[in-house]
Protein backbone atom coordinates (compact mmCIF):
# COMPACT_ATOMS: atom_id res chain seq x y z
CA MET A 1 44.96 -57.77 -72.72
CA SER A 2 44.40 -54.44 -70.97
CA ALA A 3 47.30 -52.02 -70.62
CA GLN A 4 48.68 -51.63 -67.14
CA ARG A 5 48.19 -48.35 -65.30
CA ALA A 6 50.34 -47.16 -62.42
CA GLY A 7 51.11 -43.95 -60.56
CA PHE A 8 51.80 -42.23 -57.27
CA VAL A 9 49.38 -40.55 -54.86
CA ALA A 10 50.60 -38.45 -51.92
CA ILE A 11 48.58 -38.32 -48.70
CA ALA A 12 49.20 -34.98 -47.00
CA GLY A 13 47.75 -32.97 -44.15
CA ARG A 14 48.19 -31.73 -40.61
CA PRO A 15 49.36 -34.00 -37.77
CA ASN A 16 46.64 -36.37 -36.53
CA ALA A 17 44.45 -35.98 -39.64
CA GLY A 18 44.41 -39.77 -40.01
CA LYS A 19 46.79 -40.17 -42.96
CA SER A 20 48.41 -43.39 -41.74
CA THR A 21 45.07 -44.93 -40.78
CA LEU A 22 43.74 -44.19 -44.26
CA LEU A 23 46.83 -45.66 -45.93
CA ASN A 24 46.53 -48.87 -43.91
CA ARG A 25 42.83 -49.05 -44.78
CA VAL A 26 43.46 -48.63 -48.51
CA VAL A 27 46.27 -51.18 -48.90
CA GLY A 28 44.70 -53.68 -46.50
CA GLY A 29 47.71 -54.00 -44.21
CA GLU A 30 49.70 -52.17 -41.57
CA VAL A 31 52.45 -50.20 -43.29
CA SER A 32 52.34 -47.12 -41.03
CA ILE A 33 52.14 -47.12 -37.25
CA VAL A 34 49.13 -45.33 -35.79
CA THR A 35 48.90 -43.70 -32.36
CA PRO A 36 46.71 -40.92 -30.91
CA LYS A 37 49.76 -38.65 -30.71
CA ALA A 38 50.56 -36.00 -33.28
CA GLN A 39 53.61 -36.41 -35.54
CA THR A 40 53.70 -40.19 -35.16
CA THR A 41 54.94 -40.51 -38.76
CA ARG A 42 58.49 -39.18 -39.22
CA GLU A 43 59.35 -40.38 -42.71
CA ARG A 44 57.72 -40.94 -46.05
CA VAL A 45 56.28 -44.45 -46.18
CA LEU A 46 55.08 -46.09 -49.38
CA GLY A 47 51.94 -48.23 -49.42
CA ILE A 48 51.27 -50.26 -52.56
CA LEU A 49 47.81 -51.12 -53.85
CA THR A 50 47.68 -53.49 -56.82
CA GLU A 51 44.29 -54.39 -58.31
CA GLY A 52 44.02 -56.19 -61.65
CA ASP A 53 45.83 -54.10 -64.25
CA GLY A 54 46.30 -51.10 -61.96
CA GLN A 55 48.74 -50.10 -59.26
CA ILE A 56 48.73 -47.03 -57.01
CA VAL A 57 51.75 -46.28 -54.85
CA PHE A 58 50.60 -44.15 -51.94
CA VAL A 59 53.06 -41.91 -50.12
CA ASP A 60 52.20 -41.40 -46.45
CA THR A 61 53.82 -38.20 -45.20
CA PRO A 62 54.64 -36.67 -41.82
CA GLY A 63 52.09 -34.14 -40.58
CA VAL A 64 52.72 -30.66 -41.98
CA HIS A 65 53.49 -28.08 -39.31
CA ARG A 66 55.49 -24.90 -38.90
CA ALA A 67 58.94 -26.25 -38.10
CA ARG A 68 62.01 -24.52 -36.77
CA ASP A 69 65.08 -24.49 -38.99
CA GLY A 70 67.12 -27.66 -38.79
CA GLY A 71 66.58 -30.78 -36.71
CA ILE A 72 64.07 -33.57 -36.94
CA ASN A 73 61.09 -31.22 -37.42
CA ALA A 74 62.64 -29.65 -40.52
CA TYR A 75 63.36 -33.14 -41.80
CA MET A 76 59.70 -34.13 -41.38
CA VAL A 77 58.37 -31.06 -43.22
CA GLU A 78 60.84 -31.62 -46.07
CA GLU A 79 59.68 -35.24 -46.29
CA ALA A 80 56.12 -33.99 -46.77
CA ARG A 81 57.17 -31.36 -49.30
CA GLY A 82 59.19 -33.89 -51.31
CA ALA A 83 56.27 -36.31 -51.47
CA LEU A 84 54.14 -33.73 -53.31
CA ARG A 85 56.51 -33.64 -56.27
CA GLU A 86 55.92 -35.83 -59.31
CA VAL A 87 52.70 -37.53 -58.23
CA GLU A 88 49.52 -38.19 -60.21
CA ALA A 89 47.22 -36.95 -57.44
CA VAL A 90 47.23 -35.63 -53.86
CA TRP A 91 44.82 -36.53 -51.08
CA TYR A 92 44.75 -33.55 -48.73
CA LEU A 93 43.31 -34.93 -45.50
CA VAL A 94 41.47 -32.62 -43.11
CA GLU A 95 40.43 -33.43 -39.55
CA PRO A 96 36.91 -32.04 -38.85
CA ARG A 97 37.95 -30.55 -35.48
CA THR A 98 40.74 -28.47 -36.96
CA GLU A 99 40.68 -24.69 -37.54
CA LEU A 100 41.36 -22.82 -40.76
CA GLU A 101 44.44 -21.09 -39.32
CA HIS A 102 46.10 -24.50 -38.79
CA GLU A 103 45.43 -25.55 -42.39
CA LEU A 104 47.11 -22.54 -43.99
CA VAL A 105 50.57 -24.11 -43.64
CA VAL A 106 49.36 -27.11 -45.69
CA LEU A 107 47.80 -24.89 -48.34
CA GLU A 108 51.15 -23.11 -48.67
CA LEU A 109 52.76 -26.43 -49.64
CA LEU A 110 49.93 -27.26 -52.01
CA LYS A 111 50.43 -24.03 -53.98
CA LYS A 112 53.21 -25.62 -56.03
CA VAL A 113 51.40 -28.90 -56.72
CA GLN A 114 50.53 -29.50 -60.37
CA ALA A 115 48.59 -32.74 -59.87
CA PRO A 116 44.85 -32.93 -59.09
CA ILE A 117 44.21 -32.28 -55.39
CA TYR A 118 41.40 -33.99 -53.49
CA MET A 119 40.32 -32.23 -50.32
CA VAL A 120 39.26 -35.13 -48.15
CA MET A 121 37.42 -34.60 -44.87
CA ASN A 122 38.33 -37.58 -42.72
CA LYS A 123 36.45 -39.04 -39.73
CA ALA A 124 33.09 -38.77 -41.48
CA ASP A 125 31.72 -41.24 -38.94
CA LEU A 126 32.09 -38.51 -36.30
CA CYS A 127 30.36 -35.88 -38.44
CA GLU A 128 26.90 -37.36 -38.86
CA ARG A 129 25.36 -35.28 -36.05
CA PRO A 130 25.74 -31.70 -34.80
CA PRO A 131 27.91 -29.95 -33.84
CA LEU A 132 30.55 -31.60 -36.07
CA SER A 133 28.13 -32.05 -38.99
CA ASP A 134 27.62 -28.27 -39.08
CA LYS A 135 31.30 -27.52 -38.53
CA ARG A 136 32.32 -29.84 -41.37
CA ILE A 137 30.28 -27.84 -43.87
CA GLU A 138 31.62 -24.54 -42.54
CA LEU A 139 35.19 -25.85 -42.55
CA PHE A 140 34.89 -27.11 -46.13
CA GLU A 141 33.74 -23.65 -47.22
CA GLN A 142 36.47 -21.81 -45.27
CA ILE A 143 39.29 -23.98 -46.61
CA ALA A 144 37.94 -23.83 -50.18
CA ALA A 145 37.76 -20.02 -50.02
CA ALA A 146 41.27 -19.70 -48.56
CA ALA A 147 42.63 -22.13 -51.15
CA GLU A 148 41.10 -20.15 -54.00
CA LYS A 149 42.75 -16.95 -52.74
CA MET A 150 46.11 -18.77 -52.59
CA GLY A 151 45.71 -20.23 -56.08
CA VAL A 152 45.12 -23.80 -54.91
CA LYS A 153 42.48 -25.64 -56.92
CA PHE A 154 40.66 -28.71 -55.64
CA HIS A 155 39.74 -31.37 -58.18
CA LEU A 156 37.15 -32.83 -55.83
CA GLN A 157 35.90 -32.53 -52.25
CA ALA A 158 35.07 -35.77 -50.48
CA SER A 159 34.26 -37.18 -47.04
CA VAL A 160 35.62 -40.49 -45.79
CA SER A 161 36.18 -42.42 -42.59
CA ALA A 162 39.57 -44.10 -42.52
CA LYS A 163 38.41 -45.95 -39.40
CA THR A 164 35.24 -47.53 -40.88
CA GLY A 165 35.99 -47.36 -44.61
CA MET A 166 33.04 -45.05 -45.36
CA GLY A 167 33.56 -43.27 -48.69
CA VAL A 168 36.99 -44.80 -49.34
CA ALA A 169 35.89 -46.96 -52.31
CA GLU A 170 34.38 -43.93 -54.05
CA LEU A 171 37.52 -41.88 -53.43
CA LEU A 172 39.66 -44.66 -54.88
CA GLN A 173 37.41 -45.08 -57.90
CA SER A 174 37.86 -41.43 -58.82
CA THR A 175 41.61 -41.50 -58.15
CA TRP A 176 42.18 -44.45 -60.48
CA THR A 177 41.17 -42.23 -63.41
CA HIS A 178 44.37 -40.20 -62.97
CA MET A 179 46.72 -43.18 -63.26
CA PRO A 180 48.52 -43.17 -66.63
CA GLU A 181 49.40 -46.21 -68.72
CA SER A 182 52.60 -47.53 -67.17
CA PRO A 183 54.22 -50.81 -66.15
CA PHE A 184 53.94 -51.57 -62.45
CA PHE A 185 56.60 -50.07 -60.20
CA TYR A 186 56.49 -53.20 -58.02
CA GLU A 187 56.00 -56.56 -59.73
CA ASP A 188 54.76 -58.60 -56.75
CA PRO A 189 50.99 -57.94 -56.46
CA ASP A 190 51.10 -58.89 -52.76
CA GLN A 191 53.83 -56.38 -51.83
CA LEU A 192 52.41 -53.66 -49.57
CA SER A 193 55.44 -51.41 -49.02
CA ASP A 194 58.97 -50.68 -50.20
CA ARG A 195 60.42 -50.63 -46.68
CA PRO A 196 62.65 -53.45 -45.36
CA VAL A 197 61.60 -55.61 -42.42
CA ARG A 198 64.08 -53.84 -40.10
CA TYR A 199 62.23 -50.58 -40.63
CA PHE A 200 58.91 -52.07 -39.57
CA VAL A 201 60.48 -53.76 -36.55
CA ALA A 202 61.95 -50.44 -35.38
CA GLU A 203 58.61 -48.71 -35.94
CA LYS A 204 56.78 -51.31 -33.82
CA VAL A 205 59.14 -50.46 -30.95
CA ARG A 206 58.71 -46.71 -31.49
CA GLU A 207 54.93 -47.18 -31.57
CA GLN A 208 55.03 -48.57 -28.03
CA LEU A 209 57.22 -45.70 -26.85
CA LEU A 210 54.58 -43.28 -28.11
CA LEU A 211 51.74 -45.25 -26.52
CA ARG A 212 53.34 -46.00 -23.15
CA LEU A 213 55.34 -42.90 -22.28
CA GLY A 214 54.27 -39.31 -21.54
CA ASP A 215 53.76 -36.52 -24.02
CA GLU A 216 57.34 -35.31 -24.46
CA VAL A 217 59.78 -38.19 -23.97
CA PRO A 218 58.72 -40.30 -27.03
CA TYR A 219 59.60 -37.46 -29.38
CA SER A 220 63.16 -37.58 -28.04
CA CYS A 221 63.41 -41.31 -28.78
CA ALA A 222 64.84 -42.94 -31.89
CA VAL A 223 65.02 -46.69 -32.43
CA GLU A 224 68.00 -48.35 -34.12
CA ILE A 225 68.06 -52.05 -34.98
CA GLU A 226 71.52 -53.15 -33.91
CA SER A 227 71.22 -56.74 -35.16
CA PHE A 228 68.59 -59.03 -36.67
CA ASP A 229 69.59 -62.70 -36.76
CA GLU A 230 66.95 -64.42 -38.87
CA GLN A 231 68.81 -67.76 -38.68
CA ALA A 232 68.39 -68.03 -34.91
CA GLU A 233 65.46 -69.99 -33.46
CA PRO A 234 63.47 -67.93 -32.72
CA PRO A 235 64.88 -64.98 -34.76
CA ARG A 236 66.85 -62.66 -32.46
CA ILE A 237 66.44 -58.88 -32.66
CA GLU A 238 68.58 -56.46 -30.68
CA ALA A 239 67.46 -52.82 -30.70
CA ILE A 240 68.76 -49.60 -29.16
CA ILE A 241 66.41 -46.87 -27.97
CA HIS A 242 68.31 -43.58 -28.22
CA VAL A 243 67.25 -40.73 -25.94
CA GLU A 244 68.69 -37.23 -25.64
CA ARG A 245 69.21 -36.87 -21.90
CA GLU A 246 70.11 -39.06 -18.93
CA SER A 247 66.82 -38.20 -17.21
CA GLN A 248 64.90 -39.56 -20.22
CA LYS A 249 66.82 -42.81 -20.01
CA GLY A 250 65.52 -43.31 -16.48
CA ILE A 251 61.94 -42.65 -17.59
CA VAL A 252 62.14 -45.16 -20.46
CA ILE A 253 63.66 -47.85 -18.25
CA GLY A 254 61.41 -47.13 -15.26
CA LYS A 255 61.80 -48.12 -11.63
CA GLY A 256 63.05 -51.67 -11.40
CA ALA A 257 63.13 -51.76 -15.25
CA VAL A 258 59.34 -52.18 -15.20
CA LYS A 259 58.66 -49.70 -18.02
CA ILE A 260 61.23 -51.07 -20.47
CA LYS A 261 59.93 -54.60 -19.86
CA GLU A 262 56.38 -53.40 -20.56
CA ILE A 263 57.49 -51.66 -23.76
CA GLY A 264 59.52 -54.68 -24.86
CA GLN A 265 56.74 -57.18 -24.27
CA ALA A 266 54.15 -55.12 -26.16
CA ALA A 267 56.57 -54.41 -29.03
CA ARG A 268 57.53 -58.10 -29.26
CA GLU A 269 53.87 -59.09 -29.55
CA ARG A 270 53.31 -56.52 -32.32
CA ILE A 271 56.45 -57.70 -34.16
CA GLU A 272 55.35 -61.35 -33.86
CA ASP A 273 51.96 -60.45 -35.31
CA PHE A 274 53.70 -58.66 -38.16
CA LEU A 275 56.22 -61.43 -38.91
CA GLY A 276 53.83 -64.32 -38.21
CA GLY A 277 56.02 -66.13 -35.68
CA ARG A 278 57.92 -65.92 -32.41
CA VAL A 279 60.92 -63.63 -31.99
CA HIS A 280 63.35 -62.68 -29.24
CA LEU A 281 63.53 -58.92 -28.75
CA GLY A 282 66.28 -57.31 -26.70
CA LEU A 283 66.11 -53.59 -25.89
CA ARG A 284 68.83 -51.28 -24.59
CA VAL A 285 68.52 -47.56 -23.82
CA LYS A 286 71.43 -45.23 -24.61
CA VAL A 287 71.91 -41.48 -24.43
CA LEU A 288 72.74 -39.82 -27.76
CA THR A 289 72.86 -36.20 -26.67
CA GLU A 290 70.59 -33.82 -28.63
CA TRP A 291 70.32 -36.26 -31.54
CA SER A 292 67.15 -34.57 -32.85
CA LYS A 293 69.07 -31.32 -33.48
CA ASP A 294 72.53 -32.61 -34.46
CA PRO A 295 72.82 -33.14 -38.26
CA SER A 296 75.49 -35.86 -38.02
CA ARG A 297 73.55 -37.81 -35.42
CA LEU A 298 70.32 -37.43 -37.35
CA GLU A 299 72.10 -38.76 -40.44
CA ARG A 300 73.45 -41.72 -38.46
CA LEU A 301 69.86 -42.61 -37.53
CA GLY A 302 68.71 -42.32 -41.15
CA TYR A 303 67.28 -38.79 -41.11
CA VAL A 304 69.17 -36.85 -43.79
CA LEU A 305 68.37 -33.15 -43.55
CA PRO A 306 67.45 -31.08 -46.65
CA GLN A 307 70.77 -29.25 -46.86
CA LYS A 308 72.69 -32.52 -46.70
CA ARG A 309 70.58 -33.92 -49.53
CA LYS A 310 71.39 -30.93 -51.73
CA GLU A 311 75.11 -31.32 -51.04
CA ALA A 312 74.93 -35.04 -51.85
CA ARG A 313 73.38 -34.29 -55.26
CA ARG A 314 76.21 -31.93 -56.30
């Protein structure tokens, strides 16, 4: 009988590099919501891939950006930083339309990483013809040169398409070689994530807020599952959408409550697909003033800021 192998791999990179899409592709299920908007992912999400005698636990991270002190943005950057500790490998995802100056903030985080780092150019399906095919080569060279100056070493450079699956099998094959002998972290071979159902339900609602509202309002929204009655027929879910200002509440609800009905219907359909059956979804919108900057309100919504974590460990 072969010994089991298991380990962790962090997926890091700038916002909109395609980290969540790649994670979903690798594990064969939807464990991270995906939208065209930057900073869709707010928290670390684990995706579990179990094949034969091997298991890789992937850590999807929020997009790395230069964040102001405190608030939800600082929380997101700390989530990314924390994911890079104690892993067997890191997939550093790069979007081919990025610029070197935007990648420097990611390289700064990677300086302290001890594990092998894969620089992975995503969206290879878009790079088969000029001008992106030429830019990809130039970008690879620029990032590699900057990384070398900063003391960041790449174990391997690869190109993949999270959308089509191009190059993903080869990337996985190489990554498996870094997994040490270890019992599985999760015994059920069909388990795809460590998150509870409530988390995924809330994320399905937040996904629709990102897709169906303007550019700014969704980032001021947080979704809280108030109740989830699985014994009801159909199961009954009541959720609160928290916004920061009264004017945002009006935008989310819409004239004649048209917008909130649209969001609710689309979210319900996504939740039903996820759970495999009908549900009742009730949505309310409430103002929680400046929640994205207030540490106590962030903590109430599950976002514990770095300083709070340090205090809790003492």
